[in-house]
Amino acid sequence: MPIFGGLVDLGIAFLLAAVFAEYLKFRNVAKKGFNWLILAGVFFLFAGTFPVATTLGGYLGTSVWNGLAQLFEVLGWLFALLGTLFIVYEAFIEK
């Protein structure tokens, strides 16, 4: 059950993962990877705000507005993928 909305919840989950990693001192092991995950969380949060901000979408047009939302969603997913790969590499292979 989503609390706020799908992408907003996903962004909060990525940011909370970085917070818990910092709390458990695991972020020091893979600092670069968690920086990418934080960036992905910010992009997912921003992509989740597009359905709420309908006024600007009315000015730009629906197709442009949806395209921008999808762009931020795809970039967030790519940053999350990079962050996960960096964490796996730094935590398991490099150490």
C-alpha atoms as a PDB file:
ATOM      1  CA  MET A   1       0.000   0.000   0.000  1.00  0.00           C
ATOM      2  CA  PRO A   2       1.669   3.241  -1.078  1.00  0.00           C
ATOM      3  CA  ILE A   3       1.694   6.004   1.484  1.00  0.00           C
ATOM      4  CA  PHE A   4       2.235   9.024  -0.771  1.00  0.00           C
ATOM      5  CA  GLY A   5       2.527   7.665  -4.286  1.00  0.00           C
ATOM      6  CA  GLY A   6       4.663   5.119  -6.068  1.00  0.00           C
ATOM      7  CA  LEU A   7       7.689   7.193  -7.022  1.00  0.00           C
ATOM      8  CA  VAL A   8       7.642   9.347  -3.901  1.00  0.00           C
ATOM      9  CA  ASP A   9       7.678   6.221  -1.743  1.00  0.00           C
ATOM     10  CA  LEU A  10      10.520   4.816  -3.825  1.00  0.00           C
ATOM     11  CA  GLY A  11      12.544   8.014  -3.394  1.00  0.00           C
ATOM     12  CA  ILE A  12      11.969   7.976   0.358  1.00  0.00           C
ATOM     13  CA  ALA A  13      13.020   4.320   0.481  1.00  0.00           C
ATOM     14  CA  PHE A  14      16.304   5.077  -1.283  1.00  0.00           C
ATOM     15  CA  LEU A  15      17.022   7.993   1.034  1.00  0.00           C
ATOM     16  CA  LEU A  16      16.169   5.891   4.102  1.00  0.00           C
ATOM     17  CA  ALA A  17      18.500   3.152   2.856  1.00  0.00           C
ATOM     18  CA  ALA A  18      21.346   5.667   2.843  1.00  0.00           C
ATOM     19  CA  VAL A  19      20.372   6.897   6.314  1.00  0.00           C
ATOM     20  CA  PHE A  20      20.339   3.381   7.744  1.00  0.00           C
ATOM     21  CA  ALA A  21      23.639   2.577   6.032  1.00  0.00           C
ATOM     22  CA  GLU A  22      25.154   5.653   7.672  1.00  0.00           C
ATOM     23  CA  TYR A  23      23.700   4.634  11.035  1.00  0.00           C
ATOM     24  CA  LEU A  24      25.117   1.106  10.742  1.00  0.00           C
ATOM     25  CA  LYS A  25      28.497   2.449   9.537  1.00  0.00           C
ATOM     26  CA  PHE A  26      28.144   0.522   6.276  1.00  0.00           C
ATOM     27  CA  ARG A  27      28.225   3.683   4.160  1.00  0.00           C
ATOM     28  CA  ASN A  28      31.969   4.051   4.851  1.00  0.00           C
ATOM     29  CA  VAL A  29      32.543   0.768   3.028  1.00  0.00           C
ATOM     30  CA  ALA A  30      30.824   1.914  -0.177  1.00  0.00           C
ATOM     31  CA  LYS A  31      30.615   5.701  -0.049  1.00  0.00           C
ATOM     32  CA  LYS A  32      30.499   6.291  -3.816  1.00  0.00           C
ATOM     33  CA  GLY A  33      27.691   3.763  -4.295  1.00  0.00           C
ATOM     34  CA  PHE A  34      25.522   5.294  -1.605  1.00  0.00           C
ATOM     35  CA  ASN A  35      26.058   8.748  -3.105  1.00  0.00           C
ATOM     36  CA  TRP A  36      24.580   7.402  -6.345  1.00  0.00           C
ATOM     37  CA  LEU A  37      21.660   5.891  -4.404  1.00  0.00           C
ATOM     38  CA  ILE A  38      20.995   9.238  -2.717  1.00  0.00           C
ATOM     39  CA  LEU A  39      20.968  10.894  -6.137  1.00  0.00           C
ATOM     40  CA  ALA A  40      18.530   8.252  -7.377  1.00  0.00           C
ATOM     41  CA  GLY A  41      16.289   8.918  -4.383  1.00  0.00           C
ATOM     42  CA  VAL A  42      16.221  12.634  -5.142  1.00  0.00           C
ATOM     43  CA  PHE A  43      15.363  11.967  -8.794  1.00  0.00           C
ATOM     44  CA  PHE A  44      12.554   9.573  -7.810  1.00  0.00           C
ATOM     45  CA  LEU A  45      11.177  12.144  -5.373  1.00  0.00           C
ATOM     46  CA  PHE A  46      11.184  14.771  -8.083  1.00  0.00           C
ATOM     47  CA  ALA A  47       9.607  12.406 -10.637  1.00  0.00           C
ATOM     48  CA  GLY A  48       6.857  11.676  -8.112  1.00  0.00           C
ATOM     49  CA  THR A  49       5.903  15.353  -7.948  1.00  0.00           C
ATOM     50  CA  PHE A  50       4.943  15.613 -11.629  1.00  0.00           C
ATOM     51  CA  PRO A  51       1.385  14.245 -11.221  1.00  0.00           C
ATOM     52  CA  VAL A  52       0.756  16.708  -8.385  1.00  0.00           C
ATOM     53  CA  ALA A  53       1.940  19.840 -10.207  1.00  0.00           C
ATOM     54  CA  THR A  54      -0.803  19.954 -12.820  1.00  0.00           C
ATOM     55  CA  THR A  55      -0.792  23.718 -13.441  1.00  0.00           C
ATOM     56  CA  LEU A  56       2.592  23.770 -15.120  1.00  0.00           C
ATOM     57  CA  GLY A  57       1.650  20.642 -17.038  1.00  0.00           C
ATOM     58  CA  GLY A  58      -1.318  22.520 -18.468  1.00  0.00           C
ATOM     59  CA  TYR A  59       0.977  25.233 -19.789  1.00  0.00           C
ATOM     60  CA  LEU A  60       3.554  22.890 -21.295  1.00  0.00           C
ATOM     61  CA  GLY A  61       1.189  20.298 -22.671  1.00  0.00           C
ATOM     62  CA  THR A  62       0.473  16.801 -21.503  1.00  0.00           C
ATOM     63  CA  SER A  63       2.929  14.995 -23.748  1.00  0.00           C
ATOM     64  CA  VAL A  64       5.845  17.244 -22.772  1.00  0.00           C
ATOM     65  CA  TRP A  65       4.928  17.027 -19.088  1.00  0.00           C
ATOM     66  CA  ASN A  66       4.673  13.225 -19.163  1.00  0.00           C
ATOM     67  CA  GLY A  67       7.920  13.028 -21.120  1.00  0.00           C
ATOM     68  CA  LEU A  68       9.742  15.058 -18.462  1.00  0.00           C
ATOM     69  CA  ALA A  69       8.330  12.846 -15.717  1.00  0.00           C
ATOM     70  CA  GLN A  70       9.466   9.730 -17.557  1.00  0.00           C
ATOM     71  CA  LEU A  71      12.907  11.239 -18.120  1.00  0.00           C
ATOM     72  CA  PHE A  72      13.417  11.812 -14.398  1.00  0.00           C
ATOM     73  CA  GLU A  73      12.071   8.331 -13.642  1.00  0.00           C
ATOM     74  CA  VAL A  74      14.486   6.676 -16.083  1.00  0.00           C
ATOM     75  CA  LEU A  75      17.420   8.737 -14.809  1.00  0.00           C
ATOM     76  CA  GLY A  76      16.538   7.770 -11.238  1.00  0.00           C
ATOM     77  CA  TRP A  77      16.469   4.119 -12.214  1.00  0.00           C
ATOM     78  CA  LEU A  78      19.842   4.389 -13.969  1.00  0.00           C
ATOM     79  CA  PHE A  79      21.391   6.137 -10.957  1.00  0.00           C
ATOM     80  CA  ALA A  80      19.974   3.413  -8.697  1.00  0.00           C
ATOM     81  CA  LEU A  81      21.496   0.754 -10.948  1.00  0.00           C
ATOM     82  CA  LEU A  82      24.883   2.489 -10.890  1.00  0.00           C
ATOM     83  CA  GLY A  83      24.702   2.876  -7.123  1.00  0.00           C
ATOM     84  CA  THR A  84      23.870  -0.780  -6.628  1.00  0.00           C
ATOM     85  CA  LEU A  85      26.717  -1.879  -8.879  1.00  0.00           C
ATOM     86  CA  PHE A  86      29.165   0.431  -7.076  1.00  0.00           C
ATOM     87  CA  ILE A  87      28.046  -0.887  -3.677  1.00  0.00           C
ATOM     88  CA  VAL A  88      28.476  -4.487  -4.778  1.00  0.00           C
ATOM     89  CA  TYR A  89      31.885  -3.725  -6.261  1.00  0.00           C
ATOM     90  CA  GLU A  90      33.168  -1.670  -3.322  1.00  0.00           C
ATOM     91  CA  ALA A  91      31.779  -3.888  -0.573  1.00  0.00           C
ATOM     92  CA  PHE A  92      32.438  -7.350  -1.923  1.00  0.00           C
ATOM     93  CA  ILE A  93      35.062  -7.240  -4.648  1.00  0.00           C
ATOM     94  CA  GLU A  94      37.346  -4.368  -3.678  1.00  0.00           C
ATOM     95  CA  LYS A  95      37.527  -5.019   0.089  1.00  0.00           C
END
